[in-house]
PDB file of N, CA and C in Angstrom:
ATOM      1  N   UNK A   1      13.492 -13.300   7.480  1.00  0.00           N
ATOM      2  CA  UNK A   1      12.616 -12.169   7.586  1.00  0.00           C
ATOM      3  C   UNK A   1      13.490 -10.670   7.608  1.00  0.00           C
ATOM      4  N   UNK A   2      12.438  -9.679   7.070  1.00  0.00           N
ATOM      5  CA  UNK A   2      12.894  -8.383   7.018  1.00  0.00           C
ATOM      6  C   UNK A   2      13.006  -7.576   8.160  1.00  0.00           C
ATOM      7  N   UNK A   3      14.411  -6.948   8.356  1.00  0.00           N
ATOM      8  CA  UNK A   3      14.685  -6.113   9.283  1.00  0.00           C
ATOM      9  C   UNK A   3      14.791  -5.052   8.492  1.00  0.00           C
ATOM     10  N   UNK A   4      15.007  -4.059   9.729  1.00  0.00           N
ATOM     11  CA  UNK A   4      15.346  -2.299   9.571  1.00  0.00           C
ATOM     12  C   UNK A   4      16.404  -2.455   8.443  1.00  0.00           C
ATOM     13  N   UNK A   5      17.263  -2.790   8.132  1.00  0.00           N
ATOM     14  CA  UNK A   5      18.885  -2.777   7.445  1.00  0.00           C
ATOM     15  C   UNK A   5      17.874  -3.593   5.836  1.00  0.00           C
ATOM     16  N   UNK A   6      17.182  -4.531   5.954  1.00  0.00           N
ATOM     17  CA  UNK A   6      16.782  -5.520   4.542  1.00  0.00           C
ATOM     18  C   UNK A   6      15.440  -4.114   4.216  1.00  0.00           C
ATOM     19  N   UNK A   7      15.008  -3.416   4.937  1.00  0.00           N
ATOM     20  CA  UNK A   7      14.308  -2.230   4.797  1.00  0.00           C
ATOM     21  C   UNK A   7      14.901  -1.352   4.095  1.00  0.00           C
ATOM     22  N   UNK A   8      15.515  -0.733   4.377  1.00  0.00           N
ATOM     23  CA  UNK A   8      16.628   0.401   3.723  1.00  0.00           C
ATOM     24  C   UNK A   8      17.220  -0.248   2.392  1.00  0.00           C
ATOM     25  N   UNK A   9      17.686  -1.473   2.160  1.00  0.00           N
ATOM     26  CA  UNK A   9      18.148  -2.088   0.814  1.00  0.00           C
ATOM     27  C   UNK A   9      16.825  -1.801   0.088  1.00  0.00           C
ATOM     28  N   UNK A  10      16.114  -2.482   0.322  1.00  0.00           N
ATOM     29  CA  UNK A  10      14.440  -2.660  -0.207  1.00  0.00           C
ATOM     30  C   UNK A  10      14.318  -1.112  -1.053  1.00  0.00           C
ATOM     31  N   UNK A  11      14.227  -0.591  -0.232  1.00  0.00           N
ATOM     32  CA  UNK A  11      13.658   1.123  -0.760  1.00  0.00           C
ATOM     33  C   UNK A  11      15.158   1.755  -1.090  1.00  0.00           C
ATOM     34  N   UNK A  12      16.096   1.529  -1.034  1.00  0.00           N
ATOM     35  CA  UNK A  12      17.268   2.148  -1.965  1.00  0.00           C
ATOM     36  C   UNK A  12      17.084   1.470  -3.363  1.00  0.00           C
ATOM     37  N   UNK A  13      16.891   0.295  -3.527  1.00  0.00           N
ATOM     38  CA  UNK A  13      16.572  -0.657  -4.966  1.00  0.00           C
ATOM     39  C   UNK A  13      15.622   0.331  -5.411  1.00  0.00           C
ATOM     40  N   UNK A  14      14.370   0.663  -4.710  1.00  0.00           N
ATOM     41  CA  UNK A  14      13.033   1.438  -5.184  1.00  0.00           C
ATOM     42  C   UNK A  14      13.491   2.754  -5.814  1.00  0.00           C
ATOM     43  N   UNK A  15      14.629   3.219  -5.678  1.00  0.00           N
ATOM     44  CA  UNK A  15      14.997   4.161  -6.343  1.00  0.00           C
ATOM     45  C   UNK A  15      15.253   4.254  -7.647  1.00  0.00           C
ATOM     46  N   UNK A  16      15.552   3.298  -8.286  1.00  0.00           N
ATOM     47  CA  UNK A  16      16.182   2.500  -9.328  1.00  0.00           C
ATOM     48  C   UNK A  16      15.111   1.786 -10.429  1.00  0.00           C
ATOM     49  N   UNK A  17      14.006   1.209  -9.718  1.00  0.00           N
ATOM     50  CA  UNK A  17      12.959   0.192 -10.013  1.00  0.00           C
ATOM     51  C   UNK A  17      12.063   0.073  -8.759  1.00  0.00           C
ATOM     52  N   UNK A  18      10.618  -0.184  -9.372  1.00  0.00           N
ATOM     53  CA  UNK A  18       9.856  -0.637  -7.986  1.00  0.00           C
ATOM     54  C   UNK A  18       9.408  -1.921  -7.270  1.00  0.00           C
ATOM     55  N   UNK A  19       9.245  -1.672  -6.338  1.00  0.00           N
ATOM     56  CA  UNK A  19       9.066  -2.730  -5.433  1.00  0.00           C
ATOM     57  C   UNK A  19       7.938  -3.034  -4.812  1.00  0.00           C
ATOM     58  N   UNK A  20       7.226  -4.083  -4.452  1.00  0.00           N
ATOM     59  CA  UNK A  20       6.142  -4.070  -3.788  1.00  0.00           C
ATOM     60  C   UNK A  20       6.422  -4.864  -2.062  1.00  0.00           C
ATOM     61  N   UNK A  21       5.535  -3.801  -1.231  1.00  0.00           N
ATOM     62  CA  UNK A  21       5.888  -4.386   0.164  1.00  0.00           C
ATOM     63  C   UNK A  21       4.416  -4.976   0.489  1.00  0.00           C
ATOM     64  N   UNK A  22       4.219  -5.854   0.959  1.00  0.00           N
ATOM     65  CA  UNK A  22       3.138  -6.885   1.654  1.00  0.00           C
ATOM     66  C   UNK A  22       3.232  -6.647   2.772  1.00  0.00           C
ATOM     67  N   UNK A  23       2.226  -6.094   3.880  1.00  0.00           N
ATOM     68  CA  UNK A  23       2.084  -6.227   5.514  1.00  0.00           C
ATOM     69  C   UNK A  23       0.869  -7.171   5.153  1.00  0.00           C
ATOM     70  N   UNK A  24       1.451  -7.532   6.480  1.00  0.00           N
ATOM     71  CA  UNK A  24       0.031  -8.861   7.160  1.00  0.00           C
ATOM     72  C   UNK A  24       0.229  -9.032   8.154  1.00  0.00           C
ATOM     73  N   UNK A  25      -0.718  -9.801   9.043  1.00  0.00           N
ATOM     74  CA  UNK A  25      -0.933 -10.231  10.376  1.00  0.00           C
ATOM     75  C   UNK A  25      -1.343 -11.696  10.094  1.00  0.00           C
ATOM     76  N   UNK A  26      -0.371 -12.780  10.112  1.00  0.00           N
ATOM     77  CA  UNK A  26      -0.947 -13.969  10.776  1.00  0.00           C
ATOM     78  C   UNK A  26      -2.076 -14.299  11.326  1.00  0.00           C
ATOM     79  N   UNK A  27      -2.875 -13.512  12.341  1.00  0.00           N
ATOM     80  CA  UNK A  27      -3.794 -14.042  13.009  1.00  0.00           C
ATOM     81  C   UNK A  27      -5.161 -13.138  12.604  1.00  0.00           C
ATOM     82  N   UNK A  28      -5.133 -12.709  11.272  1.00  0.00           N
ATOM     83  CA  UNK A  28      -6.378 -11.837  10.951  1.00  0.00           C
ATOM     84  C   UNK A  28      -6.840 -12.751   9.880  1.00  0.00           C
ATOM     85  N   UNK A  29      -7.789 -13.236   9.431  1.00  0.00           N
ATOM     86  CA  UNK A  29      -8.396 -13.881   8.562  1.00  0.00           C
ATOM     87  C   UNK A  29      -8.506 -13.145   7.379  1.00  0.00           C
ATOM     88  N   UNK A  30      -9.041 -11.782   7.115  1.00  0.00           N
ATOM     89  CA  UNK A  30      -8.454 -10.945   5.702  1.00  0.00           C
ATOM     90  C   UNK A  30      -7.376 -11.107   5.569  1.00  0.00           C
ATOM     91  N   UNK A  31      -6.165 -11.054   6.332  1.00  0.00           N
ATOM     92  CA  UNK A  31      -4.795 -10.718   5.828  1.00  0.00           C
ATOM     93  C   UNK A  31      -4.458 -12.430   5.592  1.00  0.00           C
ATOM     94  N   UNK A  32      -5.007 -13.075   6.168  1.00  0.00           N
ATOM     95  CA  UNK A  32      -4.296 -14.348   5.687  1.00  0.00           C
ATOM     96  C   UNK A  32      -4.812 -14.556   4.330  1.00  0.00           C
ATOM     97  N   UNK A  33      -6.274 -14.569   3.885  1.00  0.00           N
ATOM     98  CA  UNK A  33      -6.174 -14.922   3.004  1.00  0.00           C
ATOM     99  C   UNK A  33      -5.441 -13.953   1.492  1.00  0.00           C
ATOM    100  N   UNK A  34      -5.309 -12.850   2.227  1.00  0.00           N
ATOM    101  CA  UNK A  34      -4.528 -11.859   1.458  1.00  0.00           C
ATOM    102  C   UNK A  34      -3.209 -12.492   0.731  1.00  0.00           C
ATOM    103  N   UNK A  35      -2.699 -12.770   1.920  1.00  0.00           N
ATOM    104  CA  UNK A  35      -1.370 -13.740   1.956  1.00  0.00           C
ATOM    105  C   UNK A  35      -1.494 -14.631   1.236  1.00  0.00           C
ATOM    106  N   UNK A  36      -2.433 -16.163   1.540  1.00  0.00           N
ATOM    107  CA  UNK A  36      -2.349 -16.488   0.361  1.00  0.00           C
ATOM    108  C   UNK A  36      -2.515 -16.365  -1.071  1.00  0.00           C
ATOM    109  N   UNK A  37      -3.428 -15.213  -1.484  1.00  0.00           N
ATOM    110  CA  UNK A  37      -3.501 -14.953  -2.828  1.00  0.00           C
ATOM    111  C   UNK A  37      -2.577 -14.320  -3.351  1.00  0.00           C
ATOM    112  N   UNK A  38      -1.546 -13.646  -2.567  1.00  0.00           N
ATOM    113  CA  UNK A  38      -0.485 -13.090  -3.181  1.00  0.00           C
ATOM    114  C   UNK A  38       0.805 -14.076  -3.183  1.00  0.00           C
ATOM    115  N   UNK A  39       0.834 -15.125  -2.489  1.00  0.00           N
ATOM    116  CA  UNK A  39       1.621 -16.523  -2.811  1.00  0.00           C
ATOM    117  C   UNK A  39       1.314 -17.375  -3.750  1.00  0.00           C
ATOM    118  N   UNK A  40      -0.028 -17.255  -4.329  1.00  0.00           N
ATOM    119  CA  UNK A  40      -0.441 -17.976  -5.416  1.00  0.00           C
ATOM    120  C   UNK A  40      -0.040 -17.287  -6.515  1.00  0.00           C
ATOM    121  N   UNK A  41      -0.402 -15.640  -6.304  1.00  0.00           N
ATOM    122  CA  UNK A  41       0.285 -14.968  -7.533  1.00  0.00           C
ATOM    123  C   UNK A  41       1.665 -15.287  -8.065  1.00  0.00           C
ATOM    124  N   UNK A  42       2.499 -15.327  -7.021  1.00  0.00           N
ATOM    125  CA  UNK A  42       4.249 -15.089  -6.889  1.00  0.00           C
ATOM    126  C   UNK A  42       4.470 -16.474  -7.631  1.00  0.00           C
ATOM    127  N   UNK A  43       3.747 -17.236  -6.950  1.00  0.00           N
ATOM    128  CA  UNK A  43       3.945 -18.656  -7.520  1.00  0.00           C
ATOM    129  C   UNK A  43       3.814 -19.474  -9.108  1.00  0.00           C
ATOM    130  N   UNK A  44       2.270 -18.921  -9.492  1.00  0.00           N
ATOM    131  CA  UNK A  44       1.741 -18.774 -10.692  1.00  0.00           C
ATOM    132  C   UNK A  44       2.166 -17.934 -12.028  1.00  0.00           C
ATOM    133  N   UNK A  45       2.201 -16.341 -11.774  1.00  0.00           N
ATOM    134  CA  UNK A  45       2.538 -15.370 -12.495  1.00  0.00           C
ATOM    135  C   UNK A  45       3.145 -14.329 -11.463  1.00  0.00           C
ATOM    136  N   UNK A  46       4.507 -14.734 -12.051  1.00  0.00           N
ATOM    137  CA  UNK A  46       5.483 -13.792 -10.952  1.00  0.00           C
ATOM    138  C   UNK A  46       5.443 -12.140 -11.187  1.00  0.00           C
ATOM    139  N   UNK A  47       5.433 -11.517 -10.636  1.00  0.00           N
ATOM    140  CA  UNK A  47       5.150 -10.015 -10.808  1.00  0.00           C
ATOM    141  C   UNK A  47       6.853  -9.635 -11.710  1.00  0.00           C
ATOM    142  N   UNK A  48       6.647  -8.703 -12.278  1.00  0.00           N
ATOM    143  CA  UNK A  48       7.839  -7.702 -12.775  1.00  0.00           C
ATOM    144  C   UNK A  48       8.619  -7.052 -12.090  1.00  0.00           C
ATOM    145  N   UNK A  49       8.217  -6.803 -10.243  1.00  0.00           N
ATOM    146  CA  UNK A  49       8.512  -6.225  -9.333  1.00  0.00           C
ATOM    147  C   UNK A  49       9.074  -6.678  -8.185  1.00  0.00           C
ATOM    148  N   UNK A  50      10.283  -6.596  -7.490  1.00  0.00           N
ATOM    149  CA  UNK A  50      10.325  -7.668  -6.110  1.00  0.00           C
ATOM    150  C   UNK A  50       9.753  -7.093  -5.217  1.00  0.00           C
ATOM    151  N   UNK A  51       8.916  -8.769  -4.286  1.00  0.00           N
ATOM    152  CA  UNK A  51       7.771  -8.746  -3.354  1.00  0.00           C
ATOM    153  C   UNK A  51       8.936  -8.623  -2.476  1.00  0.00           C
ATOM    154  N   UNK A  52       8.369  -8.045  -1.075  1.00  0.00           N
ATOM    155  CA  UNK A  52       8.926  -7.855   0.780  1.00  0.00           C
ATOM    156  C   UNK A  52       7.672  -8.265   0.962  1.00  0.00           C
ATOM    157  N   UNK A  53       7.529  -8.938   1.986  1.00  0.00           N
ATOM    158  CA  UNK A  53       6.595  -9.551   2.720  1.00  0.00           C
ATOM    159  C   UNK A  53       7.138  -8.948   4.463  1.00  0.00           C
ATOM    160  N   UNK A  54       6.143  -8.276   5.068  1.00  0.00           N
ATOM    161  CA  UNK A  54       6.341  -7.868   6.392  1.00  0.00           C
ATOM    162  C   UNK A  54       5.430  -8.671   7.326  1.00  0.00           C
ATOM    163  N   UNK A  55       5.817  -9.514   8.379  1.00  0.00           N
ATOM    164  CA  UNK A  55       4.639 -10.028   9.352  1.00  0.00           C
ATOM    165  C   UNK A  55       4.471  -8.820  10.344  1.00  0.00           C
ATOM    166  N   UNK A  56       3.528  -8.378  10.384  1.00  0.00           N
ATOM    167  CA  UNK A  56       3.401  -7.128  11.618  1.00  0.00           C
ATOM    168  C   UNK A  56       3.695  -7.460  12.856  1.00  0.00           C
ATOM    169  N   UNK A  57       3.152  -8.914  13.224  1.00  0.00           N
ATOM    170  CA  UNK A  57       3.594  -9.378  14.655  1.00  0.00           C
ATOM    171  C   UNK A  57       4.908  -9.283  14.955  1.00  0.00           C
ATOM    172  N   UNK A  58       5.403  -9.952  13.772  1.00  0.00           N
ATOM    173  CA  UNK A  58       6.592 -10.505  14.098  1.00  0.00           C
ATOM    174  C   UNK A  58       7.800  -9.190  13.978  1.00  0.00           C
ATOM    175  N   UNK A  59       7.215  -8.605  12.853  1.00  0.00           N
ATOM    176  CA  UNK A  59       8.442  -7.550  12.616  1.00  0.00           C
ATOM    177  C   UNK A  59       7.606  -5.912  12.388  1.00  0.00           C
ATOM    178  N   UNK A  60       7.283  -5.884  13.883  1.00  0.00           N
ATOM    179  CA  UNK A  60       6.235  -4.633  14.148  1.00  0.00           C
ATOM    180  C   UNK A  60       7.387  -3.609  13.845  1.00  0.00           C
ATOM    181  N   UNK A  61       8.413  -3.189  14.250  1.00  0.00           N
ATOM    182  CA  UNK A  61       9.545  -2.256  14.306  1.00  0.00           C
ATOM    183  C   UNK A  61       9.902  -1.951  12.569  1.00  0.00           C
ATOM    184  N   UNK A  62       9.570  -2.928  11.851  1.00  0.00           N
ATOM    185  CA  UNK A  62       9.986  -2.598   9.991  1.00  0.00           C
ATOM    186  C   UNK A  62       8.414  -2.384   9.896  1.00  0.00           C
ATOM    187  N   UNK A  63       7.148  -2.704  10.341  1.00  0.00           N
ATOM    188  CA  UNK A  63       5.954  -2.387   9.866  1.00  0.00           C
ATOM    189  C   UNK A  63       6.018  -1.156  10.202  1.00  0.00           C
ATOM    190  N   UNK A  64       6.095  -0.579  11.249  1.00  0.00           N
ATOM    191  CA  UNK A  64       5.951   1.055  11.716  1.00  0.00           C
ATOM    192  C   UNK A  64       6.824   1.638  10.838  1.00  0.00           C
ATOM    193  N   UNK A  65       8.034   1.648  10.767  1.00  0.00           N
ATOM    194  CA  UNK A  65       8.992   2.518   9.884  1.00  0.00           C
ATOM    195  C   UNK A  65       8.312   2.726   8.417  1.00  0.00           C
ATOM    196  N   UNK A  66       7.706   1.322   8.098  1.00  0.00           N
ATOM    197  CA  UNK A  66       7.407   1.787   6.556  1.00  0.00           C
ATOM    198  C   UNK A  66       5.935   2.682   7.160  1.00  0.00           C
ATOM    199  N   UNK A  67       5.116   3.096   7.971  1.00  0.00           N
ATOM    200  CA  UNK A  67       4.345   3.715   8.113  1.00  0.00           C
ATOM    201  C   UNK A  67       4.750   5.082   8.409  1.00  0.00           C
ATOM    202  N   UNK A  68       5.976   5.146   8.971  1.00  0.00           N
ATOM    203  CA  UNK A  68       6.462   6.434   9.270  1.00  0.00           C
ATOM    204  C   UNK A  68       6.924   7.030   8.249  1.00  0.00           C
ATOM    205  N   UNK A  69       7.565   6.323   7.204  1.00  0.00           N
ATOM    206  CA  UNK A  69       8.712   6.716   6.068  1.00  0.00           C
ATOM    207  C   UNK A  69       7.606   7.551   5.223  1.00  0.00           C
ATOM    208  N   UNK A  70       6.392   6.671   4.827  1.00  0.00           N
ATOM    209  CA  UNK A  70       5.660   6.985   3.890  1.00  0.00           C
ATOM    210  C   UNK A  70       4.608   7.945   4.523  1.00  0.00           C
ATOM    211  N   UNK A  71       4.467   8.223   5.705  1.00  0.00           N
ATOM    212  CA  UNK A  71       2.768   8.430   6.242  1.00  0.00           C
ATOM    213  C   UNK A  71       1.540   8.037   5.610  1.00  0.00           C
ATOM    214  N   UNK A  72       1.690   6.167   5.508  1.00  0.00           N
ATOM    215  CA  UNK A  72       0.255   6.154   5.237  1.00  0.00           C
ATOM    216  C   UNK A  72      -0.262   5.362   6.456  1.00  0.00           C
ATOM    217  N   UNK A  73      -1.509   5.400   7.201  1.00  0.00           N
ATOM    218  CA  UNK A  73      -1.884   4.720   8.111  1.00  0.00           C
ATOM    219  C   UNK A  73      -1.609   3.455   8.024  1.00  0.00           C
ATOM    220  N   UNK A  74      -1.087   2.605   8.674  1.00  0.00           N
ATOM    221  CA  UNK A  74      -0.954   0.986   9.140  1.00  0.00           C
ATOM    222  C   UNK A  74      -2.208   0.654   8.779  1.00  0.00           C
ATOM    223  N   UNK A  75      -2.237  -0.102   7.750  1.00  0.00           N
ATOM    224  CA  UNK A  75      -3.611  -1.581   7.937  1.00  0.00           C
ATOM    225  C   UNK A  75      -3.068  -2.688   7.668  1.00  0.00           C
ATOM    226  N   UNK A  76      -3.838  -4.099   7.367  1.00  0.00           N
ATOM    227  CA  UNK A  76      -3.475  -4.799   7.638  1.00  0.00           C
ATOM    228  C   UNK A  76      -4.917  -5.819   6.862  1.00  0.00           C
ATOM    229  N   UNK A  77      -4.309  -6.434   5.805  1.00  0.00           N
ATOM    230  CA  UNK A  77      -3.043  -6.387   5.263  1.00  0.00           C
ATOM    231  C   UNK A  77      -3.182  -5.604   4.542  1.00  0.00           C
ATOM    232  N   UNK A  78      -1.627  -4.823   3.839  1.00  0.00           N
ATOM    233  CA  UNK A  78      -1.680  -3.128   3.025  1.00  0.00           C
ATOM    234  C   UNK A  78      -0.988  -4.338   2.068  1.00  0.00           C
ATOM    235  N   UNK A  79      -0.688  -3.647   1.242  1.00  0.00           N
ATOM    236  CA  UNK A  79       0.255  -3.284   0.069  1.00  0.00           C
ATOM    237  C   UNK A  79       0.110  -2.152  -0.638  1.00  0.00           C
ATOM    238  N   UNK A  80       1.394  -1.979  -0.917  1.00  0.00           N
ATOM    239  CA  UNK A  80       1.958  -0.193  -1.340  1.00  0.00           C
ATOM    240  C   UNK A  80       3.201  -0.689  -2.366  1.00  0.00           C
ATOM    241  N   UNK A  81       3.312   0.163  -3.409  1.00  0.00           N
ATOM    242  CA  UNK A  81       3.888  -0.014  -4.486  1.00  0.00           C
ATOM    243  C   UNK A  81       4.648   1.148  -4.800  1.00  0.00           C
ATOM    244  N   UNK A  82       5.915   0.912  -4.326  1.00  0.00           N
ATOM    245  CA  UNK A  82       7.013   1.913  -4.380  1.00  0.00           C
ATOM    246  C   UNK A  82       7.795   2.547  -5.360  1.00  0.00           C
ATOM    247  N   UNK A  83       8.234   3.339  -5.918  1.00  0.00           N
ATOM    248  CA  UNK A  83       9.044   3.681  -6.501  1.00  0.00           C
ATOM    249  C   UNK A  83       9.894   5.275  -6.910  1.00  0.00           C
ATOM    250  N   UNK A  84      10.756   5.307  -6.889  1.00  0.00           N
ATOM    251  CA  UNK A  84      11.759   6.379  -6.584  1.00  0.00           C
ATOM    252  C   UNK A  84      11.848   6.771  -5.223  1.00  0.00           C
ATOM    253  N   UNK A  85      11.292   6.415  -4.153  1.00  0.00           N
ATOM    254  CA  UNK A  85      11.156   6.596  -2.931  1.00  0.00           C
ATOM    255  C   UNK A  85       9.430   7.259  -2.335  1.00  0.00           C
ATOM    256  N   UNK A  86       9.089   6.951  -3.806  1.00  0.00           N
ATOM    257  CA  UNK A  86       7.066   7.466  -3.394  1.00  0.00           C
ATOM    258  C   UNK A  86       6.434   6.158  -3.467  1.00  0.00           C
ATOM    259  N   UNK A  87       5.437   6.187  -2.693  1.00  0.00           N
ATOM    260  CA  UNK A  87       4.274   5.055  -2.709  1.00  0.00           C
ATOM    261  C   UNK A  87       3.838   5.819  -3.881  1.00  0.00           C
ATOM    262  N   UNK A  88       3.400   4.762  -5.376  1.00  0.00           N
ATOM    263  CA  UNK A  88       2.436   5.539  -6.568  1.00  0.00           C
ATOM    264  C   UNK A  88       0.981   4.664  -6.087  1.00  0.00           C
ATOM    265  N   UNK A  89       0.911   3.781  -5.321  1.00  0.00           N
ATOM    266  CA  UNK A  89      -0.658   2.979  -4.975  1.00  0.00           C
ATOM    267  C   UNK A  89      -0.172   2.477  -3.964  1.00  0.00           C
ATOM    268  N   UNK A  90      -1.308   2.091  -2.905  1.00  0.00           N
ATOM    269  CA  UNK A  90      -1.350   1.159  -1.670  1.00  0.00           C
ATOM    270  C   UNK A  90      -3.105   1.016  -1.852  1.00  0.00           C
ATOM    271  N   UNK A  91      -3.051  -0.257  -1.118  1.00  0.00           N
ATOM    272  CA  UNK A  91      -4.601  -0.539  -0.911  1.00  0.00           C
ATOM    273  C   UNK A  91      -4.400  -1.512   0.213  1.00  0.00           C
ATOM    274  N   UNK A  92      -5.140  -1.615   1.065  1.00  0.00           N
ATOM    275  CA  UNK A  92      -5.630  -2.389   2.507  1.00  0.00           C
ATOM    276  C   UNK A  92      -7.023  -3.168   2.243  1.00  0.00           C
ATOM    277  N   UNK A  93      -7.154  -4.017   3.233  1.00  0.00           N
ATOM    278  CA  UNK A  93      -7.816  -5.019   3.471  1.00  0.00           C
ATOM    279  C   UNK A  93      -8.414  -5.825   1.955  1.00  0.00           C
ATOM    280  N   UNK A  94      -9.339  -6.030   2.056  1.00  0.00           N
ATOM    281  CA  UNK A  94     -10.269  -6.481   0.409  1.00  0.00           C
ATOM    282  C   UNK A  94      -9.592  -6.147  -0.920  1.00  0.00           C
ATOM    283  N   UNK A  95      -9.151  -4.821  -0.623  1.00  0.00           N
ATOM    284  CA  UNK A  95      -8.519  -4.749  -1.804  1.00  0.00           C
ATOM    285  C   UNK A  95      -7.472  -5.106  -2.040  1.00  0.00           C
ATOM    286  N   UNK A  96      -6.527  -5.870  -1.589  1.00  0.00           N
ATOM    287  CA  UNK A  96      -4.984  -6.462  -0.998  1.00  0.00           C
ATOM    288  C   UNK A  96      -5.843  -7.837  -1.875  1.00  0.00           C
ATOM    289  N   UNK A  97      -5.571  -7.807  -3.427  1.00  0.00           N
ATOM    290  CA  UNK A  97      -5.723  -8.961  -4.191  1.00  0.00           C
ATOM    291  C   UNK A  97      -5.040  -9.172  -5.251  1.00  0.00           C
ATOM    292  N   UNK A  98      -4.606 -10.451  -5.996  1.00  0.00           N
ATOM    293  CA  UNK A  98      -3.939 -10.741  -6.761  1.00  0.00           C
ATOM    294  C   UNK A  98      -4.357  -9.685  -8.446  1.00  0.00           C
ATOM    295  N   UNK A  99      -5.694  -9.304  -8.596  1.00  0.00           N
ATOM    296  CA  UNK A  99      -6.089  -8.733  -9.294  1.00  0.00           C
ATOM    297  C   UNK A  99      -5.349  -7.192  -9.473  1.00  0.00           C
ATOM    298  N   UNK A 100      -6.023  -6.950  -8.047  1.00  0.00           N
ATOM    299  CA  UNK A 100      -5.631  -5.315  -7.808  1.00  0.00           C
ATOM    300  C   UNK A 100      -4.088  -5.405  -8.253  1.00  0.00           C
ATOM    301  N   UNK A 101      -3.241  -5.740  -7.543  1.00  0.00           N
ATOM    302  CA  UNK A 101      -1.973  -5.446  -7.620  1.00  0.00           C
ATOM    303  C   UNK A 101      -1.416  -5.835  -9.167  1.00  0.00           C
ATOM    304  N   UNK A 102      -2.067  -6.780  -9.736  1.00  0.00           N
ATOM    305  CA  UNK A 102      -1.407  -7.157 -11.130  1.00  0.00           C
ATOM    306  C   UNK A 102      -1.816  -5.421 -12.203  1.00  0.00           C
ATOM    307  N   UNK A 103      -2.973  -4.882 -11.841  1.00  0.00           N
ATOM    308  CA  UNK A 103      -3.801  -3.839 -12.312  1.00  0.00           C
ATOM    309  C   UNK A 103      -2.587  -2.953 -12.151  1.00  0.00           C
ATOM    310  N   UNK A 104      -2.375  -2.302 -10.803  1.00  0.00           N
ATOM    311  CA  UNK A 104      -1.446  -1.479 -10.240  1.00  0.00           C
ATOM    312  C   UNK A 104      -0.023  -1.507 -10.955  1.00  0.00           C
ATOM    313  N   UNK A 105       0.499  -2.364 -11.116  1.00  0.00           N
ATOM    314  CA  UNK A 105       1.585  -3.160 -11.367  1.00  0.00           C
ATOM    315  C   UNK A 105       1.460  -2.555 -12.855  1.00  0.00           C
ATOM    316  N   UNK A 106       0.920  -3.191 -13.706  1.00  0.00           N
ATOM    317  CA  UNK A 106       0.985  -2.913 -15.211  1.00  0.00           C
ATOM    318  C   UNK A 106       0.656  -1.808 -15.349  1.00  0.00           C
ATOM    319  N   UNK A 107      -0.100  -0.622 -14.948  1.00  0.00           N
ATOM    320  CA  UNK A 107      -0.996   0.339 -14.913  1.00  0.00           C
ATOM    321  C   UNK A 107       0.014   1.424 -14.578  1.00  0.00           C
ATOM    322  N   UNK A 108       0.621   1.344 -13.598  1.00  0.00           N
ATOM    323  CA  UNK A 108       1.728   2.652 -13.107  1.00  0.00           C
ATOM    324  C   UNK A 108       3.574   2.280 -13.276  1.00  0.00           C
ATOM    325  N   UNK A 109       3.937   0.865 -13.484  1.00  0.00           N
ATOM    326  CA  UNK A 109       5.079   0.495 -14.070  1.00  0.00           C
ATOM    327  C   UNK A 109       5.192   0.185 -15.287  1.00  0.00           C
ATOM    328  N   UNK A 110       5.689   1.053 -16.313  1.00  0.00           N
ATOM    329  CA  UNK A 110       5.589   0.920 -18.000  1.00  0.00           C
ATOM    330  C   UNK A 110       6.310  -0.496 -18.063  1.00  0.00           C
ATOM    331  N   UNK A 111       7.788  -0.788 -17.731  1.00  0.00           N
ATOM    332  CA  UNK A 111       8.183  -1.550 -18.004  1.00  0.00           C
ATOM    333  C   UNK A 111       7.610  -3.058 -17.420  1.00  0.00           C
ATOM    334  N   UNK A 112       6.806  -2.748 -16.588  1.00  0.00           N
ATOM    335  CA  UNK A 112       6.638  -4.469 -16.042  1.00  0.00           C
ATOM    336  C   UNK A 112       5.514  -4.869 -17.287  1.00  0.00           C
ATOM    337  N   UNK A 113       5.500  -6.417 -16.822  1.00  0.00           N
ATOM    338  CA  UNK A 113       5.057  -7.092 -17.793  1.00  0.00           C
ATOM    339  C   UNK A 113       4.241  -8.202 -17.035  1.00  0.00           C
ATOM    340  N   UNK A 114       3.530  -7.753 -15.615  1.00  0.00           N
ATOM    341  CA  UNK A 114       3.175  -8.844 -14.690  1.00  0.00           C
ATOM    342  C   UNK A 114       1.489  -8.911 -15.564  1.00  0.00           C
TER     343      UNK A 114
END
């Protein structure tokens, strides 16, 4: 489970490479569907960027820290592609899909071959 120290370490890592943060709520149907799709994506076609998963109900403090640090309103499900301390792309609700994520990573991270 991701805590604030883990988040800080992930964001420090994002200064040299891209990371993907996925926020989801296990009690939301749309979020559960996105979570399943992300799981399938990682199992079948791993991304060229590390993925950090935040359960917004169990890790509320971490989820709120992401919102504060990037100034992007919290939604669930939500995915943020972060590089060099900035969010390059983000999506929420039905736009959180394997296809959308793969497209964003390919388009925005030149070295990625997702």
